[in-house]
N, C-alpha and C. Protein backbone atom coordinates (compact mmCIF):
# COMPACT_ATOMS: atom_id res chain seq x y z
N MET A 1 27.08 42.45 27.50
CA MET A 1 27.97 42.00 28.59
C MET A 1 27.03 41.71 29.67
N ALA A 2 27.33 40.56 30.46
CA ALA A 2 26.49 40.15 31.56
C ALA A 2 26.53 41.12 32.54
N ASN A 3 25.37 41.07 33.29
CA ASN A 3 25.18 41.99 34.49
C ASN A 3 26.10 41.50 35.59
N GLN A 4 26.72 42.50 36.30
CA GLN A 4 27.57 42.06 37.34
C GLN A 4 26.94 41.41 38.45
N LYS A 5 25.69 41.65 38.67
CA LYS A 5 24.92 40.90 39.88
C LYS A 5 24.80 39.47 39.41
N ILE A 6 24.59 39.12 38.17
CA ILE A 6 24.41 37.87 37.70
C ILE A 6 25.74 37.11 37.87
N LEU A 7 26.86 37.78 37.38
CA LEU A 7 28.16 37.22 37.52
C LEU A 7 28.50 36.82 38.91
N ASP A 8 28.11 37.75 39.99
CA ASP A 8 28.47 37.50 41.32
C ASP A 8 27.64 36.31 41.79
N GLN A 9 26.46 36.16 41.38
CA GLN A 9 25.66 35.09 41.80
C GLN A 9 26.22 33.78 41.31
N LYS A 10 26.68 33.67 40.07
CA LYS A 10 27.28 32.57 39.44
C LYS A 10 28.49 32.18 40.24
N GLN A 11 29.36 33.20 40.53
CA GLN A 11 30.55 33.05 41.26
C GLN A 11 30.28 32.41 42.62
N ALA A 12 29.21 32.91 43.22
CA ALA A 12 28.96 32.45 44.64
C ALA A 12 28.49 31.06 44.63
N THR A 13 27.72 30.51 43.45
CA THR A 13 27.42 29.22 43.31
C THR A 13 28.65 28.28 43.02
N ILE A 14 29.60 28.92 42.20
CA ILE A 14 30.77 28.11 41.99
C ILE A 14 31.58 27.89 43.38
N ASP A 15 31.60 29.05 44.16
CA ASP A 15 32.26 28.91 45.52
C ASP A 15 31.61 27.92 46.33
N GLU A 16 30.25 27.87 46.33
CA GLU A 16 29.54 26.86 47.13
C GLU A 16 29.77 25.55 46.65
N ILE A 17 29.94 25.23 45.33
CA ILE A 17 30.16 23.82 44.99
C ILE A 17 31.60 23.55 45.36
N VAL A 18 32.53 24.36 45.29
CA VAL A 18 33.97 24.17 45.70
C VAL A 18 33.98 23.79 47.27
N GLU A 19 33.28 24.61 47.99
CA GLU A 19 33.18 24.32 49.47
C GLU A 19 32.56 23.02 49.83
N ASN A 20 31.48 22.67 49.05
CA ASN A 20 30.93 21.37 49.38
C ASN A 20 31.86 20.33 49.05
N PHE A 21 32.50 20.40 47.79
CA PHE A 21 33.54 19.47 47.52
C PHE A 21 34.61 19.15 48.52
N LYS A 22 35.12 20.37 49.13
CA LYS A 22 36.18 20.34 50.06
C LYS A 22 35.72 19.63 51.34
N ASN A 23 34.45 19.86 51.64
CA ASN A 23 33.96 19.44 52.94
C ASN A 23 33.32 18.01 52.87
N SER A 24 33.39 17.41 51.64
CA SER A 24 32.75 16.12 51.44
C SER A 24 33.71 15.13 51.04
N SER A 25 33.39 13.82 51.46
CA SER A 25 34.36 12.74 51.10
C SER A 25 33.91 12.08 49.78
N SER A 26 32.64 12.31 49.52
CA SER A 26 31.99 11.65 48.27
C SER A 26 31.12 12.56 47.67
N PHE A 27 31.23 12.57 46.30
CA PHE A 27 30.37 13.37 45.36
C PHE A 27 29.93 12.33 44.43
N ILE A 28 28.62 12.09 44.28
CA ILE A 28 28.02 11.24 43.28
C ILE A 28 27.15 11.90 42.24
N PHE A 29 27.41 11.82 40.96
CA PHE A 29 26.72 12.50 39.88
C PHE A 29 25.69 11.50 39.40
N LEU A 30 24.38 11.86 39.33
CA LEU A 30 23.29 11.17 39.01
C LEU A 30 22.60 11.72 37.89
N GLU A 31 21.96 10.84 37.05
CA GLU A 31 21.17 11.40 35.94
C GLU A 31 19.74 11.14 36.43
N ASN A 32 18.93 12.17 36.22
CA ASN A 32 17.56 12.16 36.68
C ASN A 32 16.64 12.13 35.43
N HIS A 33 16.06 11.00 35.15
CA HIS A 33 15.20 11.00 34.02
C HIS A 33 13.78 10.75 34.33
N GLY A 34 13.21 11.80 34.83
CA GLY A 34 11.67 11.69 35.14
C GLY A 34 11.31 11.33 36.56
N LEU A 35 12.19 11.71 37.43
CA LEU A 35 11.73 11.44 38.91
C LEU A 35 10.76 12.45 39.26
N THR A 36 9.75 11.92 39.98
CA THR A 36 8.69 12.98 40.43
C THR A 36 9.17 13.75 41.57
N VAL A 37 8.49 14.85 41.96
CA VAL A 37 8.82 15.64 43.09
C VAL A 37 8.87 14.82 44.34
N SER A 38 7.90 13.88 44.48
CA SER A 38 7.77 13.11 45.75
C SER A 38 8.80 12.04 45.79
N GLU A 39 9.34 11.56 44.62
CA GLU A 39 10.50 10.55 44.57
C GLU A 39 11.70 11.42 44.93
N THR A 40 11.87 12.63 44.40
CA THR A 40 13.03 13.41 44.76
C THR A 40 13.04 13.71 46.29
N MET A 41 11.95 14.03 46.80
CA MET A 41 11.85 14.35 48.18
C MET A 41 12.30 13.07 49.07
N GLU A 42 11.82 11.90 48.54
CA GLU A 42 12.17 10.54 49.23
C GLU A 42 13.69 10.46 49.29
N LEU A 43 14.24 10.71 48.05
CA LEU A 43 15.77 10.54 48.01
C LEU A 43 16.45 11.58 48.82
N ARG A 44 15.96 12.75 48.99
CA ARG A 44 16.49 13.85 49.88
C ARG A 44 16.48 13.32 51.31
N ARG A 45 15.35 12.85 51.66
CA ARG A 45 15.12 12.15 53.13
C ARG A 45 16.14 11.03 53.26
N ALA A 46 16.21 10.27 52.30
CA ALA A 46 17.18 9.12 52.53
C ALA A 46 18.53 9.48 52.65
N LEU A 47 18.97 10.56 51.85
CA LEU A 47 20.31 11.13 52.11
C LEU A 47 20.51 11.88 53.34
N LYS A 48 19.51 12.49 53.78
CA LYS A 48 19.52 13.28 55.04
C LYS A 48 19.83 12.44 56.21
N GLU A 49 19.18 11.17 56.13
CA GLU A 49 19.39 10.22 57.16
C GLU A 49 20.92 9.80 57.31
N SER A 50 21.63 9.84 56.26
CA SER A 50 23.04 9.52 56.23
C SER A 50 23.93 10.79 56.23
N ASN A 51 23.38 11.88 56.76
CA ASN A 51 24.20 13.12 56.88
C ASN A 51 24.67 13.50 55.46
N SER A 52 23.86 13.33 54.56
CA SER A 52 24.25 13.78 53.07
C SER A 52 23.24 14.67 52.63
N GLU A 53 23.60 15.27 51.34
CA GLU A 53 22.69 16.20 50.59
C GLU A 53 22.53 15.84 49.15
N LEU A 54 21.58 16.47 48.70
CA LEU A 54 21.18 16.39 47.11
C LEU A 54 21.11 17.74 46.64
N LYS A 55 21.80 17.99 45.69
CA LYS A 55 21.86 19.45 45.08
C LYS A 55 21.63 19.41 43.51
N ILE A 56 21.03 20.32 43.08
CA ILE A 56 21.02 20.41 41.52
C ILE A 56 21.71 21.81 41.04
N TYR A 57 22.64 21.67 40.32
CA TYR A 57 23.39 22.91 39.88
C TYR A 57 23.45 22.75 38.37
N LYS A 58 23.73 23.96 37.73
CA LYS A 58 24.00 24.09 36.32
C LYS A 58 25.29 23.36 36.04
N ASN A 59 25.36 22.52 34.87
CA ASN A 59 26.48 21.83 34.52
C ASN A 59 27.70 22.61 34.27
N THR A 60 27.41 23.79 33.69
CA THR A 60 28.60 24.64 33.38
C THR A 60 29.20 25.22 34.76
N LEU A 61 28.40 25.54 35.72
CA LEU A 61 28.96 25.92 36.98
C LEU A 61 29.67 24.90 37.74
N VAL A 62 29.15 23.69 37.67
CA VAL A 62 29.89 22.52 38.32
C VAL A 62 31.21 22.29 37.51
N ASN A 63 31.19 22.39 36.17
CA ASN A 63 32.36 22.23 35.38
C ASN A 63 33.44 23.33 35.75
N ARG A 64 33.01 24.55 35.95
CA ARG A 64 33.99 25.60 36.37
C ARG A 64 34.58 25.29 37.79
N ALA A 65 33.75 25.00 38.60
CA ALA A 65 34.19 24.72 40.03
C ALA A 65 35.17 23.48 40.07
N LEU A 66 34.85 22.45 39.30
CA LEU A 66 35.70 21.27 39.28
C LEU A 66 37.04 21.55 38.53
N THR A 67 36.99 22.42 37.44
CA THR A 67 38.31 22.91 36.80
C THR A 67 39.10 23.63 37.70
N SER A 68 38.57 24.49 38.64
CA SER A 68 39.30 25.21 39.59
C SER A 68 40.04 24.28 40.55
N LEU A 69 39.48 23.04 40.72
CA LEU A 69 40.08 22.03 41.58
C LEU A 69 40.94 21.02 40.76
N ASN A 70 41.18 21.32 39.58
CA ASN A 70 42.00 20.44 38.69
C ASN A 70 41.38 19.02 38.43
N ILE A 71 40.00 19.12 38.32
CA ILE A 71 39.34 17.73 38.09
C ILE A 71 38.58 17.96 36.68
N ASP A 72 38.73 17.02 35.84
CA ASP A 72 38.11 17.08 34.64
C ASP A 72 36.98 16.06 34.45
N LEU A 73 35.72 16.60 34.46
CA LEU A 73 34.55 15.69 34.29
C LEU A 73 33.68 16.26 33.23
N SER A 74 34.25 16.94 32.33
CA SER A 74 33.51 17.70 31.29
C SER A 74 32.65 16.68 30.37
N GLU A 75 33.19 15.56 30.17
CA GLU A 75 32.61 14.47 29.37
C GLU A 75 31.27 13.97 30.01
N GLU A 76 31.33 13.93 31.35
CA GLU A 76 30.14 13.44 32.17
C GLU A 76 29.18 14.51 32.37
N LEU A 77 29.46 15.66 32.29
CA LEU A 77 28.53 16.66 32.59
C LEU A 77 27.66 17.15 31.29
N ASN A 78 26.85 16.18 30.72
CA ASN A 78 26.03 16.44 29.73
C ASN A 78 24.70 15.96 30.24
N GLY A 79 23.72 16.62 29.90
CA GLY A 79 22.44 16.32 30.35
C GLY A 79 22.11 16.70 31.82
N PRO A 80 20.77 16.43 32.26
CA PRO A 80 20.53 16.83 33.58
C PRO A 80 21.22 15.97 34.62
N LYS A 81 21.91 16.63 35.55
CA LYS A 81 22.71 15.85 36.54
C LYS A 81 22.17 16.37 37.92
N VAL A 82 22.23 15.47 38.86
CA VAL A 82 21.96 15.72 40.21
C VAL A 82 23.16 15.33 40.91
N ILE A 83 23.55 16.01 42.06
CA ILE A 83 24.72 15.73 42.79
C ILE A 83 24.35 15.36 44.29
N ALA A 84 24.83 14.12 44.66
CA ALA A 84 24.55 13.77 45.96
C ALA A 84 25.95 13.80 46.65
N PHE A 85 26.08 14.36 47.88
CA PHE A 85 27.44 14.41 48.55
C PHE A 85 27.26 14.32 50.04
N GLY A 86 28.40 13.98 50.72
CA GLY A 86 28.22 13.78 52.12
C GLY A 86 29.78 13.67 52.75
N ALA A 87 29.68 13.91 53.97
CA ALA A 87 31.09 13.82 54.80
C ALA A 87 31.58 12.41 54.81
N ASP A 88 30.69 11.40 54.92
CA ASP A 88 30.97 10.00 54.93
C ASP A 88 31.30 9.65 53.48
N THR A 89 32.30 8.66 53.37
CA THR A 89 32.65 8.23 52.07
C THR A 89 31.70 7.20 51.54
N VAL A 90 31.11 6.35 52.32
CA VAL A 90 30.30 5.20 51.77
C VAL A 90 28.84 5.44 51.83
N GLU A 91 28.35 6.07 52.95
CA GLU A 91 26.94 6.20 53.28
C GLU A 91 25.99 6.96 52.16
N PRO A 92 26.59 8.05 51.54
CA PRO A 92 25.81 8.53 50.38
C PRO A 92 25.71 7.54 49.19
N VAL A 93 26.83 6.81 49.00
CA VAL A 93 26.84 5.84 47.72
C VAL A 93 25.83 4.71 48.05
N LYS A 94 25.77 4.33 49.37
CA LYS A 94 24.78 3.36 49.71
C LYS A 94 23.40 3.74 49.66
N ALA A 95 23.06 5.02 50.13
CA ALA A 95 21.65 5.51 49.99
C ALA A 95 21.26 5.73 48.63
N VAL A 96 22.07 6.21 47.83
CA VAL A 96 21.71 6.51 46.39
C VAL A 96 21.66 5.12 45.58
N SER A 97 22.48 4.16 45.94
CA SER A 97 22.41 2.87 45.23
C SER A 97 21.01 2.22 45.69
N LYS A 98 20.66 2.31 46.92
CA LYS A 98 19.51 1.58 47.31
C LYS A 98 18.22 2.27 46.70
N PHE A 99 18.31 3.53 46.61
CA PHE A 99 17.18 4.18 46.04
C PHE A 99 17.03 4.04 44.51
N ALA A 100 18.27 3.95 43.79
CA ALA A 100 18.30 3.59 42.41
C ALA A 100 17.73 2.27 41.99
N GLU A 101 17.94 1.34 43.02
CA GLU A 101 17.41 -0.10 42.67
C GLU A 101 15.86 -0.08 42.57
N LYS A 102 15.14 0.78 43.30
CA LYS A 102 13.81 0.87 43.33
C LYS A 102 13.21 1.85 42.38
N HIS A 103 14.14 2.70 41.90
CA HIS A 103 13.63 3.81 40.95
C HIS A 103 14.54 3.81 39.66
N PRO A 104 14.12 3.18 38.66
CA PRO A 104 14.88 2.99 37.43
C PRO A 104 15.18 4.37 36.74
N ASN A 105 14.43 5.41 37.11
CA ASN A 105 14.61 6.74 36.48
C ASN A 105 15.89 7.36 36.93
N LEU A 106 16.46 6.93 37.97
CA LEU A 106 17.60 7.51 38.55
C LEU A 106 18.90 6.57 38.22
N GLU A 107 19.83 7.17 37.48
CA GLU A 107 20.97 6.43 37.18
C GLU A 107 22.24 7.00 37.64
N ILE A 108 23.12 6.25 38.36
CA ILE A 108 24.27 6.56 38.77
C ILE A 108 25.36 6.67 37.71
N LYS A 109 26.08 7.72 37.54
CA LYS A 109 26.90 7.99 36.39
C LYS A 109 28.42 7.91 36.81
N VAL A 110 28.86 8.69 37.77
CA VAL A 110 30.32 8.72 38.02
C VAL A 110 30.34 9.34 39.59
N GLY A 111 31.40 9.15 40.21
CA GLY A 111 31.49 9.71 41.49
C GLY A 111 33.00 10.27 41.76
N LEU A 112 33.12 11.04 42.76
CA LEU A 112 34.37 11.53 43.19
C LEU A 112 34.45 11.14 44.59
N ILE A 113 35.24 10.13 44.98
CA ILE A 113 35.56 9.72 46.26
C ILE A 113 36.87 10.10 46.84
N ASP A 114 36.89 10.82 47.83
CA ASP A 114 38.18 11.39 48.35
C ASP A 114 38.96 12.03 47.31
N GLY A 115 38.29 12.72 46.50
CA GLY A 115 39.03 13.63 45.47
C GLY A 115 39.46 12.83 44.23
N GLU A 116 39.16 11.45 44.08
CA GLU A 116 39.53 10.81 42.96
C GLU A 116 38.24 10.32 42.19
N VAL A 117 38.36 10.40 40.86
CA VAL A 117 37.33 10.08 40.02
C VAL A 117 37.01 8.58 40.13
N THR A 118 35.82 8.15 40.32
CA THR A 118 35.49 6.70 40.60
C THR A 118 34.44 6.35 39.59
N ASP A 119 34.62 5.25 39.07
CA ASP A 119 33.75 4.67 38.07
C ASP A 119 32.57 4.03 38.75
N LEU A 120 31.55 3.60 37.89
CA LEU A 120 30.38 2.96 38.46
C LEU A 120 30.57 1.66 39.09
N GLU A 121 31.52 0.88 38.65
CA GLU A 121 31.79 -0.45 39.26
C GLU A 121 32.37 -0.22 40.68
N THR A 122 33.27 0.67 40.93
CA THR A 122 33.76 0.98 42.18
C THR A 122 32.70 1.45 43.18
N LEU A 123 31.93 2.31 42.66
CA LEU A 123 30.72 2.82 43.37
C LEU A 123 29.75 1.59 43.77
N LYS A 124 29.55 0.67 42.82
CA LYS A 124 28.78 -0.42 43.30
C LYS A 124 29.43 -1.29 44.30
N LYS A 125 30.77 -1.46 44.23
CA LYS A 125 31.41 -2.18 45.37
C LYS A 125 31.24 -1.48 46.69
N LEU A 126 31.52 -0.20 46.67
CA LEU A 126 31.41 0.67 47.83
C LEU A 126 29.88 0.55 48.48
N ALA A 127 28.89 0.34 47.67
CA ALA A 127 27.55 0.23 48.08
C ALA A 127 27.30 -1.00 48.96
N THR A 128 28.19 -2.01 48.68
CA THR A 128 27.93 -3.23 49.24
C THR A 128 28.65 -3.37 50.58
N ILE A 129 29.48 -2.38 50.92
CA ILE A 129 30.25 -2.43 52.29
C ILE A 129 29.28 -2.25 53.36
N PRO A 130 29.42 -3.17 54.40
CA PRO A 130 28.47 -2.98 55.50
C PRO A 130 28.67 -1.70 56.17
N SER A 131 27.71 -1.32 57.10
CA SER A 131 27.87 0.05 57.84
C SER A 131 28.98 0.01 58.73
N ARG A 132 29.31 1.15 59.31
CA ARG A 132 30.43 1.23 60.31
C ARG A 132 30.17 0.37 61.44
N GLU A 133 28.93 0.37 61.96
CA GLU A 133 28.66 -0.40 63.14
C GLU A 133 28.69 -1.83 62.79
N GLY A 134 28.33 -2.18 61.61
CA GLY A 134 28.45 -3.67 61.16
C GLY A 134 29.80 -4.14 61.10
N LEU A 135 30.73 -3.14 60.50
CA LEU A 135 32.16 -3.47 60.44
C LEU A 135 32.76 -3.74 61.82
N LEU A 136 32.47 -2.70 62.65
CA LEU A 136 32.90 -2.94 64.10
C LEU A 136 32.49 -4.12 64.79
N THR A 137 31.21 -4.52 64.63
CA THR A 137 30.72 -5.71 65.11
C THR A 137 31.51 -6.99 64.55
N MET A 138 31.70 -7.00 63.29
CA MET A 138 32.59 -8.07 62.66
C MET A 138 33.91 -8.12 63.22
N PHE A 139 34.50 -6.92 63.42
CA PHE A 139 35.90 -6.79 64.03
C PHE A 139 35.97 -7.34 65.41
N ALA A 140 34.96 -6.95 66.26
CA ALA A 140 34.79 -7.33 67.66
C ALA A 140 34.72 -8.90 67.71
N GLY A 141 33.86 -9.39 66.86
CA GLY A 141 33.59 -10.90 66.77
C GLY A 141 34.95 -11.56 66.42
N GLY A 142 35.70 -11.07 65.52
CA GLY A 142 36.89 -11.75 65.21
C GLY A 142 37.90 -11.64 66.31
N LEU A 143 37.95 -10.55 67.06
CA LEU A 143 38.85 -10.42 68.18
C LEU A 143 38.40 -11.37 69.24
N MET A 144 37.11 -11.45 69.54
CA MET A 144 36.56 -12.35 70.54
C MET A 144 36.98 -13.77 70.19
N GLY A 145 36.93 -14.22 68.94
CA GLY A 145 37.35 -15.45 68.53
C GLY A 145 38.78 -15.86 68.88
N ILE A 146 39.71 -14.90 68.65
CA ILE A 146 41.08 -15.08 68.88
C ILE A 146 41.20 -15.18 70.37
N VAL A 147 40.55 -14.40 71.19
CA VAL A 147 40.68 -14.49 72.58
C VAL A 147 40.17 -15.81 73.11
N ARG A 148 39.01 -16.24 72.63
CA ARG A 148 38.41 -17.56 73.05
C ARG A 148 39.36 -18.65 72.62
N ASP A 149 39.97 -18.68 71.41
CA ASP A 149 40.92 -19.79 71.03
C ASP A 149 42.17 -19.70 72.02
N PHE A 150 42.75 -18.51 72.32
CA PHE A 150 43.81 -18.28 73.28
C PHE A 150 43.48 -18.98 74.59
N ALA A 151 42.25 -18.58 75.01
CA ALA A 151 41.84 -19.22 76.34
C ALA A 151 41.84 -20.67 76.35
N ILE A 152 41.24 -21.30 75.23
CA ILE A 152 41.15 -22.70 75.25
C ILE A 152 42.66 -23.32 75.08
N CYS A 153 43.53 -22.68 74.35
CA CYS A 153 44.96 -23.16 74.28
C CYS A 153 45.50 -23.09 75.73
N LEU A 154 45.43 -21.98 76.40
CA LEU A 154 45.89 -21.89 77.77
C LEU A 154 45.32 -22.88 78.65
N ASP A 155 43.93 -23.24 78.65
CA ASP A 155 43.33 -24.22 79.50
C ASP A 155 43.92 -25.61 79.09
N LEU A 156 44.03 -25.92 77.87
CA LEU A 156 44.56 -27.24 77.49
C LEU A 156 46.09 -27.34 77.94
N HIS A 157 46.78 -26.36 77.87
CA HIS A 157 48.21 -26.31 78.23
C HIS A 157 48.30 -26.61 79.87
N ALA A 158 47.37 -25.86 80.57
CA ALA A 158 47.49 -26.11 81.90
C ALA A 158 46.97 -27.47 82.40
N LYS A 159 46.05 -28.01 81.66
CA LYS A 159 45.63 -29.55 81.96
C LYS A 159 46.74 -30.35 81.56
N ASN A 160 47.48 -30.15 80.59
CA ASN A 160 48.66 -30.94 80.12
C ASN A 160 49.80 -30.85 81.25
N LEU A 161 49.94 -29.71 81.77
CA LEU A 161 50.98 -29.58 82.89
C LEU A 161 50.53 -30.29 84.18
N GLU A 162 49.25 -30.31 84.44
CA GLU A 162 48.73 -30.95 85.67
C GLU A 162 48.89 -32.52 85.59
N GLU A 163 48.65 -33.03 84.28
CA GLU A 163 48.75 -34.46 84.00
C GLU A 163 50.26 -34.92 84.28
N LYS A 164 51.18 -34.03 83.80
CA LYS A 164 52.58 -34.44 83.98
C LYS A 164 53.09 -34.40 85.41
N GLN A 165 52.47 -33.82 86.37
CA GLN A 165 52.93 -33.79 87.73
C GLN A 165 52.38 -34.81 88.45
């Protein structure tokens, strides 16, 4: 029979995984095939810039934590996995995708975005979304275009009214 201390440590890790899942909008499962320590540290730094984290857990503990949340990823949890997660939905995906382009040893497998299992194609689409600031800039530009067109319309209408008088 297993030592109670070891069982308590495992349960604490499962609780940590569940807590990280509940506090995160995105969970990305990656396969690490020979990344060096310096490359792993580089990935950690890239994720930290986007307020995200990189953790390595035992697959059995991750599977137990996800099972307690009614999520089945047992087929995906084979081999060495690394988990990237963050409070933002898109930023961890973008950081990992950018890193994976430069480092073929890192392979994105599957993700959990807002509690839903997400395939690789969807993760790739999410990685191409501009940043929040970029989206706000595009939105403001669109609004300014509408206001400009409205101002031109009012000006033309005013000139038309002046000509009629």
